[in-house]
N, C-alpha and C. Protein backbone atom coordinates (compact mmCIF):
# COMPACT_ATOMS: atom_id res chain seq x y z
N MET A 1 1.80 12.65 -9.88
CA MET A 1 0.62 12.06 -9.27
C MET A 1 -0.11 13.11 -8.45
N SER A 2 -1.39 12.97 -8.35
CA SER A 2 -2.18 13.87 -7.50
C SER A 2 -2.58 13.13 -6.23
N SER A 3 -3.23 13.84 -5.32
CA SER A 3 -3.60 13.23 -4.03
C SER A 3 -4.67 12.16 -4.19
N THR A 4 -5.26 12.03 -5.37
CA THR A 4 -6.29 11.00 -5.57
C THR A 4 -5.73 9.77 -6.28
N ASP A 5 -4.41 9.70 -6.51
CA ASP A 5 -3.82 8.54 -7.15
C ASP A 5 -3.87 7.35 -6.21
N ARG A 6 -3.91 6.16 -6.81
CA ARG A 6 -4.01 4.93 -6.04
C ARG A 6 -2.88 3.99 -6.40
N VAL A 7 -2.60 3.04 -5.50
CA VAL A 7 -1.60 2.01 -5.74
C VAL A 7 -2.18 0.66 -5.31
N VAL A 8 -1.56 -0.42 -5.80
CA VAL A 8 -1.94 -1.77 -5.43
C VAL A 8 -0.96 -2.27 -4.38
N LEU A 9 -1.48 -2.86 -3.29
CA LEU A 9 -0.65 -3.41 -2.23
C LEU A 9 -0.50 -4.91 -2.43
N GLU A 10 0.73 -5.38 -2.34
CA GLU A 10 1.03 -6.80 -2.53
C GLU A 10 1.75 -7.33 -1.30
N GLY A 11 1.33 -8.49 -0.83
CA GLY A 11 1.96 -9.09 0.35
C GLY A 11 1.30 -8.61 1.63
N GLY A 12 1.94 -8.89 2.75
CA GLY A 12 1.37 -8.50 4.04
C GLY A 12 0.28 -9.46 4.47
N PRO A 13 -0.52 -9.07 5.45
CA PRO A 13 -1.57 -9.95 5.97
C PRO A 13 -2.61 -10.31 4.90
N ASP A 14 -3.01 -11.58 4.89
CA ASP A 14 -4.02 -12.02 3.92
C ASP A 14 -5.35 -11.32 4.10
N ASP A 15 -5.67 -10.92 5.35
CA ASP A 15 -6.97 -10.32 5.62
C ASP A 15 -6.95 -8.79 5.64
N LEU A 16 -5.92 -8.19 5.05
CA LEU A 16 -5.88 -6.74 4.91
C LEU A 16 -7.11 -6.31 4.10
N PRO A 17 -7.95 -5.40 4.62
CA PRO A 17 -9.23 -5.11 3.97
C PRO A 17 -9.14 -4.46 2.59
N GLU A 18 -8.16 -3.63 2.36
CA GLU A 18 -8.05 -2.94 1.07
C GLU A 18 -6.72 -3.28 0.40
N ARG A 19 -6.77 -3.58 -0.89
CA ARG A 19 -5.55 -3.85 -1.65
C ARG A 19 -5.25 -2.75 -2.67
N THR A 20 -6.18 -1.83 -2.83
CA THR A 20 -5.96 -0.66 -3.68
C THR A 20 -6.23 0.55 -2.81
N VAL A 21 -5.18 1.36 -2.56
CA VAL A 21 -5.30 2.47 -1.62
C VAL A 21 -4.79 3.78 -2.24
N PRO A 22 -5.28 4.93 -1.74
CA PRO A 22 -4.79 6.22 -2.24
C PRO A 22 -3.40 6.53 -1.66
N VAL A 23 -2.62 7.30 -2.43
CA VAL A 23 -1.31 7.77 -1.97
C VAL A 23 -1.21 9.27 -2.22
N ASP A 24 -0.47 9.95 -1.35
CA ASP A 24 -0.23 11.39 -1.52
C ASP A 24 1.07 11.66 -2.26
N THR A 25 2.09 10.83 -2.01
CA THR A 25 3.41 11.05 -2.60
C THR A 25 3.83 9.81 -3.38
N PRO A 26 4.13 9.94 -4.65
CA PRO A 26 4.52 8.77 -5.45
C PRO A 26 5.92 8.28 -5.08
N GLY A 27 6.11 6.96 -5.19
CA GLY A 27 7.43 6.38 -5.04
C GLY A 27 7.93 6.22 -3.62
N GLY A 28 7.20 6.72 -2.65
CA GLY A 28 7.64 6.60 -1.26
C GLY A 28 7.08 5.37 -0.60
N GLU A 29 6.97 5.42 0.68
CA GLU A 29 6.42 4.33 1.48
C GLU A 29 4.94 4.59 1.73
N VAL A 30 4.16 3.52 1.80
CA VAL A 30 2.76 3.60 2.19
C VAL A 30 2.62 2.89 3.53
N LYS A 31 2.00 3.57 4.49
CA LYS A 31 1.76 3.02 5.83
C LYS A 31 0.26 2.82 6.00
N VAL A 32 -0.15 1.58 6.23
CA VAL A 32 -1.57 1.26 6.35
C VAL A 32 -1.86 0.84 7.79
N PRO A 33 -2.75 1.58 8.50
CA PRO A 33 -3.10 1.16 9.86
C PRO A 33 -3.88 -0.16 9.82
N PHE A 34 -3.46 -1.10 10.69
CA PHE A 34 -4.11 -2.41 10.70
C PHE A 34 -3.80 -3.10 12.01
N ARG A 35 -4.83 -3.52 12.75
CA ARG A 35 -4.70 -4.32 13.97
C ARG A 35 -3.65 -3.77 14.95
N ASN A 36 -3.86 -2.58 15.44
CA ASN A 36 -3.01 -1.97 16.46
C ASN A 36 -1.56 -1.80 16.00
N GLY A 37 -1.40 -1.50 14.72
CA GLY A 37 -0.07 -1.27 14.17
C GLY A 37 -0.17 -0.73 12.76
N TYR A 38 0.93 -0.81 12.05
CA TYR A 38 0.97 -0.35 10.67
C TYR A 38 1.65 -1.40 9.80
N GLU A 39 1.10 -1.61 8.62
CA GLU A 39 1.74 -2.42 7.59
C GLU A 39 2.45 -1.45 6.66
N HIS A 40 3.71 -1.71 6.37
CA HIS A 40 4.52 -0.80 5.54
C HIS A 40 4.76 -1.44 4.17
N PHE A 41 4.57 -0.64 3.14
CA PHE A 41 4.74 -1.08 1.76
C PHE A 41 5.67 -0.11 1.04
N LYS A 42 6.56 -0.66 0.17
CA LYS A 42 7.50 0.16 -0.61
C LYS A 42 7.17 0.01 -2.10
N ALA A 43 7.43 1.08 -2.85
CA ALA A 43 7.18 1.09 -4.28
C ALA A 43 8.08 0.08 -4.99
N THR A 44 7.56 -0.51 -6.04
CA THR A 44 8.33 -1.38 -6.92
C THR A 44 8.31 -0.76 -8.32
N ALA A 45 9.01 -1.37 -9.24
CA ALA A 45 9.00 -0.90 -10.64
C ALA A 45 7.83 -1.50 -11.42
N ARG A 46 7.06 -2.37 -10.77
CA ARG A 46 5.97 -3.07 -11.45
C ARG A 46 4.66 -2.29 -11.43
N GLU A 47 3.78 -2.64 -12.36
CA GLU A 47 2.42 -2.10 -12.42
C GLU A 47 1.46 -3.26 -12.59
N GLN A 48 0.18 -3.00 -12.26
CA GLN A 48 -0.84 -4.04 -12.38
C GLN A 48 -2.11 -3.45 -12.96
N ASP A 49 -2.77 -4.19 -13.85
CA ASP A 49 -4.06 -3.76 -14.38
C ASP A 49 -5.13 -4.00 -13.32
N THR A 50 -5.95 -2.98 -13.06
CA THR A 50 -7.03 -3.05 -12.08
C THR A 50 -8.28 -2.43 -12.68
N PRO A 51 -9.43 -2.54 -12.01
CA PRO A 51 -10.63 -1.85 -12.49
C PRO A 51 -10.45 -0.32 -12.54
N GLN A 52 -9.50 0.22 -11.75
CA GLN A 52 -9.22 1.67 -11.76
C GLN A 52 -8.18 2.05 -12.80
N GLY A 53 -7.71 1.08 -13.58
CA GLY A 53 -6.67 1.33 -14.58
C GLY A 53 -5.36 0.67 -14.17
N ARG A 54 -4.30 0.99 -14.87
CA ARG A 54 -2.97 0.43 -14.56
C ARG A 54 -2.36 1.22 -13.41
N LEU A 55 -2.06 0.51 -12.31
CA LEU A 55 -1.58 1.16 -11.09
C LEU A 55 -0.22 0.61 -10.67
N PRO A 56 0.59 1.45 -10.00
CA PRO A 56 1.86 0.98 -9.45
C PRO A 56 1.63 -0.06 -8.36
N VAL A 57 2.57 -1.01 -8.26
CA VAL A 57 2.51 -2.04 -7.23
C VAL A 57 3.46 -1.67 -6.10
N TYR A 58 2.96 -1.73 -4.87
CA TYR A 58 3.76 -1.52 -3.67
C TYR A 58 3.83 -2.85 -2.93
N GLU A 59 5.03 -3.21 -2.48
CA GLU A 59 5.28 -4.51 -1.87
C GLU A 59 5.46 -4.37 -0.36
N TRP A 60 4.82 -5.29 0.40
CA TRP A 60 4.95 -5.28 1.86
C TRP A 60 6.39 -5.52 2.25
N TRP A 61 6.87 -4.80 3.29
CA TRP A 61 8.24 -5.06 3.75
C TRP A 61 8.37 -5.12 5.26
N GLU A 62 7.42 -4.57 6.04
CA GLU A 62 7.50 -4.74 7.50
C GLU A 62 6.21 -4.31 8.17
N ARG A 63 6.12 -4.67 9.45
CA ARG A 63 4.99 -4.26 10.30
C ARG A 63 5.57 -3.59 11.54
N THR A 64 4.92 -2.51 11.99
CA THR A 64 5.28 -1.91 13.26
C THR A 64 4.05 -1.96 14.16
N GLU A 65 4.27 -2.16 15.45
CA GLU A 65 3.20 -2.24 16.44
C GLU A 65 3.07 -0.92 17.18
N LEU A 66 1.85 -0.54 17.51
CA LEU A 66 1.62 0.63 18.34
C LEU A 66 1.74 0.22 19.81
N PRO A 67 2.27 1.11 20.66
CA PRO A 67 2.37 0.76 22.08
C PRO A 67 0.98 0.62 22.70
N GLY A 68 0.89 -0.24 23.66
CA GLY A 68 -0.36 -0.36 24.41
C GLY A 68 -1.04 -1.59 24.12
């Protein structure tokens, strides 16, 4: 994968603004800043057809809060 590759995010907050996001490293974790914290997504073995083509699906697994 290159730095312009994208993945589909599944789960997490319903009002997460983007469901297709760029990734730098394939197969790892994706951390999305959202509402004074981060939503964490992990790679799955699944793929999904999107307007950008067939993309890997990453599944929500936790949220961390920023201090303050």
